[in-house]
Amino acid sequence: MSLYLSLWMRVGSLSLVLVAVGTMECTEQESLIQEIPSSIVMPTQCLMDCTALTFTKKLQLGDTRNIRLTDSTEEEHRNLKEYCWPVDLKCNVGERLQRAFVVVPVDPSVVAHKHLAVKSTGPVVGTLSAHGGPATLADDCGIRYEVTPIYQSTSESMGKGLSFCIQVVALQPLSRDGMLKCPPFLVTIWQPSAAQPMREGGG
């Protein structure tokens, strides 16, 4: 099973965690820090930068939701590059997935969402639409694509070990090096457990 590294943000702390297979409705306690094998690939610079920017906005907005950023793994399919994430994500007791976005890191002075087609290739096939929210996620992170329905439907109805994959295709001539600053990454926003009121940052 592939291992994925993500950054887990909560108010007042920024903890490095290892994401493995999990469930949408969390029933098992997860330790905040797990041993990381020496062979694991460290997060991209884009993911690290987005984490810092989003953590700052999270504090400014008083948003108490948990936000995880997860780098993709790259695969080749019919001579096209695919970026994939596990459908089953580890979470903490009482958490529930609220929103999920794929973020495509681009230079906004060179690439806009109208220049790209972002297509999901499995387990659900279709073209993703660019999305303006949520406010907690910093604008400089990249172009956001809503994938919440895909994650909610597939994780509840299909078995563990499944991957969600996308392809990023230029709709006009763009240099391969200039299209993406880094591989896309997944942002998941989790409603914390229980009774305490939750403040949201606009999405």
C-alpha atoms as a PDB file:
ATOM      1  CA  MET A   1       0.000   0.000   0.000  1.00  0.00           C
ATOM      2  CA  SER A   2       1.301   3.422  -0.930  1.00  0.00           C
ATOM      3  CA  LEU A   3       1.953   5.884   1.845  1.00  0.00           C
ATOM      4  CA  TYR A   4       1.027   9.522   1.665  1.00  0.00           C
ATOM      5  CA  LEU A   5       2.412  12.464   3.546  1.00  0.00           C
ATOM      6  CA  SER A   6       0.212  15.372   4.473  1.00  0.00           C
ATOM      7  CA  LEU A   7       0.215  18.370   6.734  1.00  0.00           C
ATOM      8  CA  TRP A   8      -2.450  18.517   9.391  1.00  0.00           C
ATOM      9  CA  MET A   9      -3.402  21.962  10.618  1.00  0.00           C
ATOM     10  CA  ARG A  10      -5.400  22.807  13.687  1.00  0.00           C
ATOM     11  CA  VAL A  11      -5.566  26.035  15.716  1.00  0.00           C
ATOM     12  CA  GLY A  12      -2.348  26.563  17.639  1.00  0.00           C
ATOM     13  CA  SER A  13      -0.454  23.617  16.176  1.00  0.00           C
ATOM     14  CA  LEU A  14       0.971  22.355  12.926  1.00  0.00           C
ATOM     15  CA  SER A  15       1.655  18.629  13.068  1.00  0.00           C
ATOM     16  CA  LEU A  16       3.248  16.341  10.502  1.00  0.00           C
ATOM     17  CA  VAL A  17       1.231  13.171  10.054  1.00  0.00           C
ATOM     18  CA  LEU A  18       1.208  10.123   7.867  1.00  0.00           C
ATOM     19  CA  VAL A  19      -2.047   9.472   6.032  1.00  0.00           C
ATOM     20  CA  ALA A  20      -3.005   5.856   5.478  1.00  0.00           C
ATOM     21  CA  VAL A  21      -6.198   3.974   4.775  1.00  0.00           C
ATOM     22  CA  GLY A  22      -9.106   5.156   6.913  1.00  0.00           C
ATOM     23  CA  THR A  23     -12.848   5.723   6.902  1.00  0.00           C
ATOM     24  CA  MET A  24     -15.161   8.708   6.398  1.00  0.00           C
ATOM     25  CA  GLU A  25     -16.772   8.261   9.809  1.00  0.00           C
ATOM     26  CA  CYS A  26     -13.899   8.017  12.244  1.00  0.00           C
ATOM     27  CA  THR A  27     -14.145   5.417  14.966  1.00  0.00           C
ATOM     28  CA  GLU A  28     -10.474   4.733  15.735  1.00  0.00           C
ATOM     29  CA  GLN A  29      -8.037   7.042  17.480  1.00  0.00           C
ATOM     30  CA  GLU A  30      -5.062   8.136  15.377  1.00  0.00           C
ATOM     31  CA  SER A  31      -1.816   9.301  16.953  1.00  0.00           C
ATOM     32  CA  LEU A  32      -0.756  12.772  15.824  1.00  0.00           C
ATOM     33  CA  ILE A  33       2.810  11.769  15.038  1.00  0.00           C
ATOM     34  CA  GLN A  34       3.696   8.455  13.428  1.00  0.00           C
ATOM     35  CA  GLU A  35       7.073   7.108  12.406  1.00  0.00           C
ATOM     36  CA  ILE A  36       7.965   8.093   8.856  1.00  0.00           C
ATOM     37  CA  PRO A  37       9.939   5.547   6.815  1.00  0.00           C
ATOM     38  CA  SER A  38      13.255   6.784   5.417  1.00  0.00           C
ATOM     39  CA  SER A  39      12.068   6.050   1.873  1.00  0.00           C
ATOM     40  CA  ILE A  40       9.081   8.420   2.000  1.00  0.00           C
ATOM     41  CA  VAL A  41       9.042  11.411  -0.381  1.00  0.00           C
ATOM     42  CA  MET A  42       8.869  14.769   1.348  1.00  0.00           C
ATOM     43  CA  PRO A  43       6.091  17.254   0.486  1.00  0.00           C
ATOM     44  CA  THR A  44       6.529  19.564  -2.493  1.00  0.00           C
ATOM     45  CA  GLN A  45       7.456  23.193  -1.965  1.00  0.00           C
ATOM     46  CA  CYS A  46       4.006  24.248  -3.254  1.00  0.00           C
ATOM     47  CA  LEU A  47       2.280  22.167  -0.594  1.00  0.00           C
ATOM     48  CA  MET A  48       4.566  23.559   2.112  1.00  0.00           C
ATOM     49  CA  ASP A  49       3.964  27.148   0.982  1.00  0.00           C
ATOM     50  CA  CYS A  50       0.192  26.610   0.801  1.00  0.00           C
ATOM     51  CA  THR A  51       0.205  25.093   4.285  1.00  0.00           C
ATOM     52  CA  ALA A  52       1.914  28.161   5.757  1.00  0.00           C
ATOM     53  CA  LEU A  53      -0.429  30.597   3.968  1.00  0.00           C
ATOM     54  CA  THR A  54      -3.557  28.641   4.869  1.00  0.00           C
ATOM     55  CA  PHE A  55      -2.506  28.203   8.499  1.00  0.00           C
ATOM     56  CA  THR A  56      -2.129  31.989   8.769  1.00  0.00           C
ATOM     57  CA  LYS A  57      -5.608  32.585   7.273  1.00  0.00           C
ATOM     58  CA  LYS A  58      -7.068  29.901   9.509  1.00  0.00           C
ATOM     59  CA  LEU A  59      -5.832  31.733  12.590  1.00  0.00           C
ATOM     60  CA  GLN A  60      -6.995  35.117  11.269  1.00  0.00           C
ATOM     61  CA  LEU A  61     -10.504  33.799  10.548  1.00  0.00           C
ATOM     62  CA  GLY A  62     -10.781  31.771  13.741  1.00  0.00           C
ATOM     63  CA  ASP A  63     -11.666  28.708  11.670  1.00  0.00           C
ATOM     64  CA  THR A  64     -11.584  25.648  13.950  1.00  0.00           C
ATOM     65  CA  ARG A  65     -11.956  23.006  11.254  1.00  0.00           C
ATOM     66  CA  ASN A  66      -9.107  20.574  10.607  1.00  0.00           C
ATOM     67  CA  ILE A  67      -7.405  20.973   7.222  1.00  0.00           C
ATOM     68  CA  ARG A  68      -5.142  18.372   5.631  1.00  0.00           C
ATOM     69  CA  LEU A  69      -3.045  18.824   2.503  1.00  0.00           C
ATOM     70  CA  THR A  70      -1.877  15.685   0.697  1.00  0.00           C
ATOM     71  CA  ASP A  71       0.567  15.459  -2.203  1.00  0.00           C
ATOM     72  CA  SER A  72      -0.353  13.313  -5.190  1.00  0.00           C
ATOM     73  CA  THR A  73       1.443  10.292  -6.560  1.00  0.00           C
ATOM     74  CA  GLU A  74       2.178  10.282 -10.281  1.00  0.00           C
ATOM     75  CA  GLU A  75       1.249   7.484 -12.672  1.00  0.00           C
ATOM     76  CA  GLU A  76       1.285   7.068 -16.456  1.00  0.00           C
ATOM     77  CA  HIS A  77      -1.890   6.104 -18.319  1.00  0.00           C
ATOM     78  CA  ARG A  78      -1.990   5.940 -22.121  1.00  0.00           C
ATOM     79  CA  ASN A  79       1.066   8.202 -22.312  1.00  0.00           C
ATOM     80  CA  LEU A  80      -0.610  10.845 -20.152  1.00  0.00           C
ATOM     81  CA  LYS A  81       0.428  11.680 -16.598  1.00  0.00           C
ATOM     82  CA  GLU A  82      -2.128  11.036 -13.873  1.00  0.00           C
ATOM     83  CA  TYR A  83      -2.094  12.421 -10.340  1.00  0.00           C
ATOM     84  CA  CYS A  84      -3.683  10.171  -7.728  1.00  0.00           C
ATOM     85  CA  TRP A  85      -4.752  10.089  -4.067  1.00  0.00           C
ATOM     86  CA  PRO A  86      -6.290   7.361  -1.909  1.00  0.00           C
ATOM     87  CA  VAL A  87     -10.063   7.503  -1.578  1.00  0.00           C
ATOM     88  CA  ASP A  88      -9.872   6.303   2.030  1.00  0.00           C
ATOM     89  CA  LEU A  89      -8.180   8.937   4.198  1.00  0.00           C
ATOM     90  CA  LYS A  90      -7.210   8.612   7.841  1.00  0.00           C
ATOM     91  CA  CYS A  91      -9.011  10.904  10.242  1.00  0.00           C
ATOM     92  CA  ASN A  92      -9.560  11.369  13.969  1.00  0.00           C
ATOM     93  CA  VAL A  93     -12.370  10.101  16.153  1.00  0.00           C
ATOM     94  CA  GLY A  94     -15.568  12.092  15.578  1.00  0.00           C
ATOM     95  CA  GLU A  95     -14.365  13.951  12.475  1.00  0.00           C
ATOM     96  CA  ARG A  96     -16.473  14.091   9.339  1.00  0.00           C
ATOM     97  CA  LEU A  97     -15.328  15.154   5.880  1.00  0.00           C
ATOM     98  CA  GLN A  98     -16.886  18.515   4.992  1.00  0.00           C
ATOM     99  CA  ARG A  99     -15.120  19.632   1.797  1.00  0.00           C
ATOM    100  CA  ALA A 100     -12.496  18.271  -0.582  1.00  0.00           C
ATOM    101  CA  PHE A 101     -10.592  20.168  -3.274  1.00  0.00           C
ATOM    102  CA  VAL A 102      -7.880  19.372  -5.773  1.00  0.00           C
ATOM    103  CA  VAL A 103      -5.485  22.326  -5.992  1.00  0.00           C
ATOM    104  CA  VAL A 104      -3.504  22.805  -9.218  1.00  0.00           C
ATOM    105  CA  PRO A 105      -0.484  25.041  -8.480  1.00  0.00           C
ATOM    106  CA  VAL A 106       0.079  27.431 -11.400  1.00  0.00           C
ATOM    107  CA  ASP A 107       1.649  30.817 -12.001  1.00  0.00           C
ATOM    108  CA  PRO A 108      -1.487  33.029 -12.326  1.00  0.00           C
ATOM    109  CA  SER A 109       0.400  35.445 -14.583  1.00  0.00           C
ATOM    110  CA  VAL A 110       0.850  32.622 -17.100  1.00  0.00           C
ATOM    111  CA  VAL A 111      -2.004  30.152 -16.593  1.00  0.00           C
ATOM    112  CA  ALA A 112      -5.695  30.655 -15.729  1.00  0.00           C
ATOM    113  CA  HIS A 113      -8.368  28.008 -15.227  1.00  0.00           C
ATOM    114  CA  LYS A 114      -9.683  28.646 -18.751  1.00  0.00           C
ATOM    115  CA  HIS A 115      -6.359  27.385 -20.124  1.00  0.00           C
ATOM    116  CA  LEU A 116      -6.704  23.988 -18.458  1.00  0.00           C
ATOM    117  CA  ALA A 117      -9.026  21.003 -18.474  1.00  0.00           C
ATOM    118  CA  VAL A 118      -8.825  18.957 -15.292  1.00  0.00           C
ATOM    119  CA  LYS A 119     -10.409  15.555 -15.767  1.00  0.00           C
ATOM    120  CA  SER A 120     -11.069  12.818 -13.232  1.00  0.00           C
ATOM    121  CA  THR A 121     -10.204   9.416 -14.674  1.00  0.00           C
ATOM    122  CA  GLY A 122     -11.338   7.177 -11.857  1.00  0.00           C
ATOM    123  CA  PRO A 123     -13.270   5.982  -9.998  1.00  0.00           C
ATOM    124  CA  VAL A 124     -15.595   8.708 -11.346  1.00  0.00           C
ATOM    125  CA  VAL A 125     -14.948   9.970 -14.886  1.00  0.00           C
ATOM    126  CA  GLY A 126     -15.664  13.600 -15.790  1.00  0.00           C
ATOM    127  CA  THR A 127     -14.361  17.171 -16.092  1.00  0.00           C
ATOM    128  CA  LEU A 128     -13.871  19.110 -12.863  1.00  0.00           C
ATOM    129  CA  SER A 129     -14.999  22.722 -12.485  1.00  0.00           C
ATOM    130  CA  ALA A 130     -12.863  25.471 -10.989  1.00  0.00           C
ATOM    131  CA  HIS A 131     -14.162  26.697  -7.628  1.00  0.00           C
ATOM    132  CA  GLY A 132     -13.684  29.992  -5.790  1.00  0.00           C
ATOM    133  CA  GLY A 133     -13.802  28.764  -2.167  1.00  0.00           C
ATOM    134  CA  PRO A 134     -13.197  28.098   0.611  1.00  0.00           C
ATOM    135  CA  ALA A 135     -11.972  31.380   2.081  1.00  0.00           C
ATOM    136  CA  THR A 136      -9.651  29.582   4.506  1.00  0.00           C
ATOM    137  CA  LEU A 137      -7.579  28.194   1.650  1.00  0.00           C
ATOM    138  CA  ALA A 138      -5.151  30.874   0.448  1.00  0.00           C
ATOM    139  CA  ASP A 139      -5.662  32.114  -3.129  1.00  0.00           C
ATOM    140  CA  ASP A 140      -1.952  31.816  -3.882  1.00  0.00           C
ATOM    141  CA  CYS A 141      -2.110  28.044  -3.428  1.00  0.00           C
ATOM    142  CA  GLY A 142      -3.429  27.538  -6.964  1.00  0.00           C
ATOM    143  CA  ILE A 143      -6.633  26.845  -8.901  1.00  0.00           C
ATOM    144  CA  ARG A 144      -9.171  24.898  -6.832  1.00  0.00           C
ATOM    145  CA  TYR A 145     -11.463  22.157  -8.111  1.00  0.00           C
ATOM    146  CA  GLU A 146     -14.325  20.801  -6.014  1.00  0.00           C
ATOM    147  CA  VAL A 147     -14.196  17.036  -5.503  1.00  0.00           C
ATOM    148  CA  THR A 148     -16.319  16.691  -2.360  1.00  0.00           C
ATOM    149  CA  PRO A 149     -19.115  14.673  -4.058  1.00  0.00           C
ATOM    150  CA  ILE A 150     -16.559  12.253  -5.499  1.00  0.00           C
ATOM    151  CA  TYR A 151     -14.986  11.593  -2.119  1.00  0.00           C
ATOM    152  CA  GLN A 152     -18.286  11.304  -0.276  1.00  0.00           C
ATOM    153  CA  SER A 153     -19.798   8.870  -2.776  1.00  0.00           C
ATOM    154  CA  THR A 154     -16.788   6.656  -3.438  1.00  0.00           C
ATOM    155  CA  SER A 155     -15.573   6.346   0.141  1.00  0.00           C
ATOM    156  CA  GLU A 156     -19.010   5.318   1.360  1.00  0.00           C
ATOM    157  CA  SER A 157     -19.869   2.896  -1.449  1.00  0.00           C
ATOM    158  CA  MET A 158     -16.567   1.332  -2.562  1.00  0.00           C
ATOM    159  CA  GLY A 159     -13.846  -0.721  -0.943  1.00  0.00           C
ATOM    160  CA  LYS A 160     -10.578   0.368   0.582  1.00  0.00           C
ATOM    161  CA  GLY A 161      -7.453   0.691  -1.510  1.00  0.00           C
ATOM    162  CA  LEU A 162      -9.173   2.645  -4.293  1.00  0.00           C
ATOM    163  CA  SER A 163      -7.422   5.677  -5.835  1.00  0.00           C
ATOM    164  CA  PHE A 164      -8.916   8.901  -7.165  1.00  0.00           C
ATOM    165  CA  CYS A 165      -6.959  10.169 -10.193  1.00  0.00           C
ATOM    166  CA  ILE A 166      -6.950  13.238 -12.427  1.00  0.00           C
ATOM    167  CA  GLN A 167      -5.263  14.419 -15.610  1.00  0.00           C
ATOM    168  CA  VAL A 168      -4.355  18.066 -16.293  1.00  0.00           C
ATOM    169  CA  VAL A 169      -4.572  18.974 -19.991  1.00  0.00           C
ATOM    170  CA  ALA A 170      -3.626  22.320 -21.601  1.00  0.00           C
ATOM    171  CA  LEU A 171      -6.386  23.745 -23.816  1.00  0.00           C
ATOM    172  CA  GLN A 172      -3.894  25.954 -25.636  1.00  0.00           C
ATOM    173  CA  PRO A 173      -0.159  25.671 -26.260  1.00  0.00           C
ATOM    174  CA  LEU A 174       1.722  25.915 -22.975  1.00  0.00           C
ATOM    175  CA  SER A 175       5.216  24.767 -22.200  1.00  0.00           C
ATOM    176  CA  ARG A 176       5.310  21.621 -20.122  1.00  0.00           C
ATOM    177  CA  ASP A 177       7.573  23.339 -17.610  1.00  0.00           C
ATOM    178  CA  GLY A 178       5.380  26.435 -17.435  1.00  0.00           C
ATOM    179  CA  MET A 179       2.002  24.734 -17.003  1.00  0.00           C
ATOM    180  CA  LEU A 180       2.370  23.582 -13.378  1.00  0.00           C
ATOM    181  CA  LYS A 181       4.647  24.853 -10.625  1.00  0.00           C
ATOM    182  CA  CYS A 182       4.298  21.531  -8.781  1.00  0.00           C
ATOM    183  CA  PRO A 183       2.098  18.432  -9.024  1.00  0.00           C
ATOM    184  CA  PRO A 184      -1.507  18.969  -7.846  1.00  0.00           C
ATOM    185  CA  PHE A 185      -2.368  18.247  -4.216  1.00  0.00           C
ATOM    186  CA  LEU A 186      -5.533  17.380  -2.322  1.00  0.00           C
ATOM    187  CA  VAL A 187      -7.037  19.575   0.399  1.00  0.00           C
ATOM    188  CA  THR A 188      -9.589  18.021   2.743  1.00  0.00           C
ATOM    189  CA  ILE A 189     -11.524  19.997   5.352  1.00  0.00           C
ATOM    190  CA  TRP A 190     -12.872  18.088   8.338  1.00  0.00           C
ATOM    191  CA  GLN A 191     -15.577  19.077  10.792  1.00  0.00           C
ATOM    192  CA  PRO A 192     -14.235  18.397  14.276  1.00  0.00           C
ATOM    193  CA  SER A 193     -16.094  16.210  16.691  1.00  0.00           C
ATOM    194  CA  ALA A 194     -19.091  16.996  18.627  1.00  0.00           C
ATOM    195  CA  ALA A 195     -20.555  19.619  20.637  1.00  0.00           C
ATOM    196  CA  GLN A 196     -18.299  22.627  20.411  1.00  0.00           C
ATOM    197  CA  PRO A 197     -19.495  25.389  18.024  1.00  0.00           C
ATOM    198  CA  MET A 198     -17.524  25.583  14.796  1.00  0.00           C
ATOM    199  CA  ARG A 199     -16.535  28.805  13.068  1.00  0.00           C
ATOM    200  CA  GLU A 200     -16.093  28.577   9.312  1.00  0.00           C
ATOM    201  CA  GLY A 201     -13.984  30.729   7.040  1.00  0.00           C
ATOM    202  CA  GLY A 202     -16.519  31.136   4.277  1.00  0.00           C
ATOM    203  CA  GLY A 203     -16.604  27.690   2.731  1.00  0.00           C
END
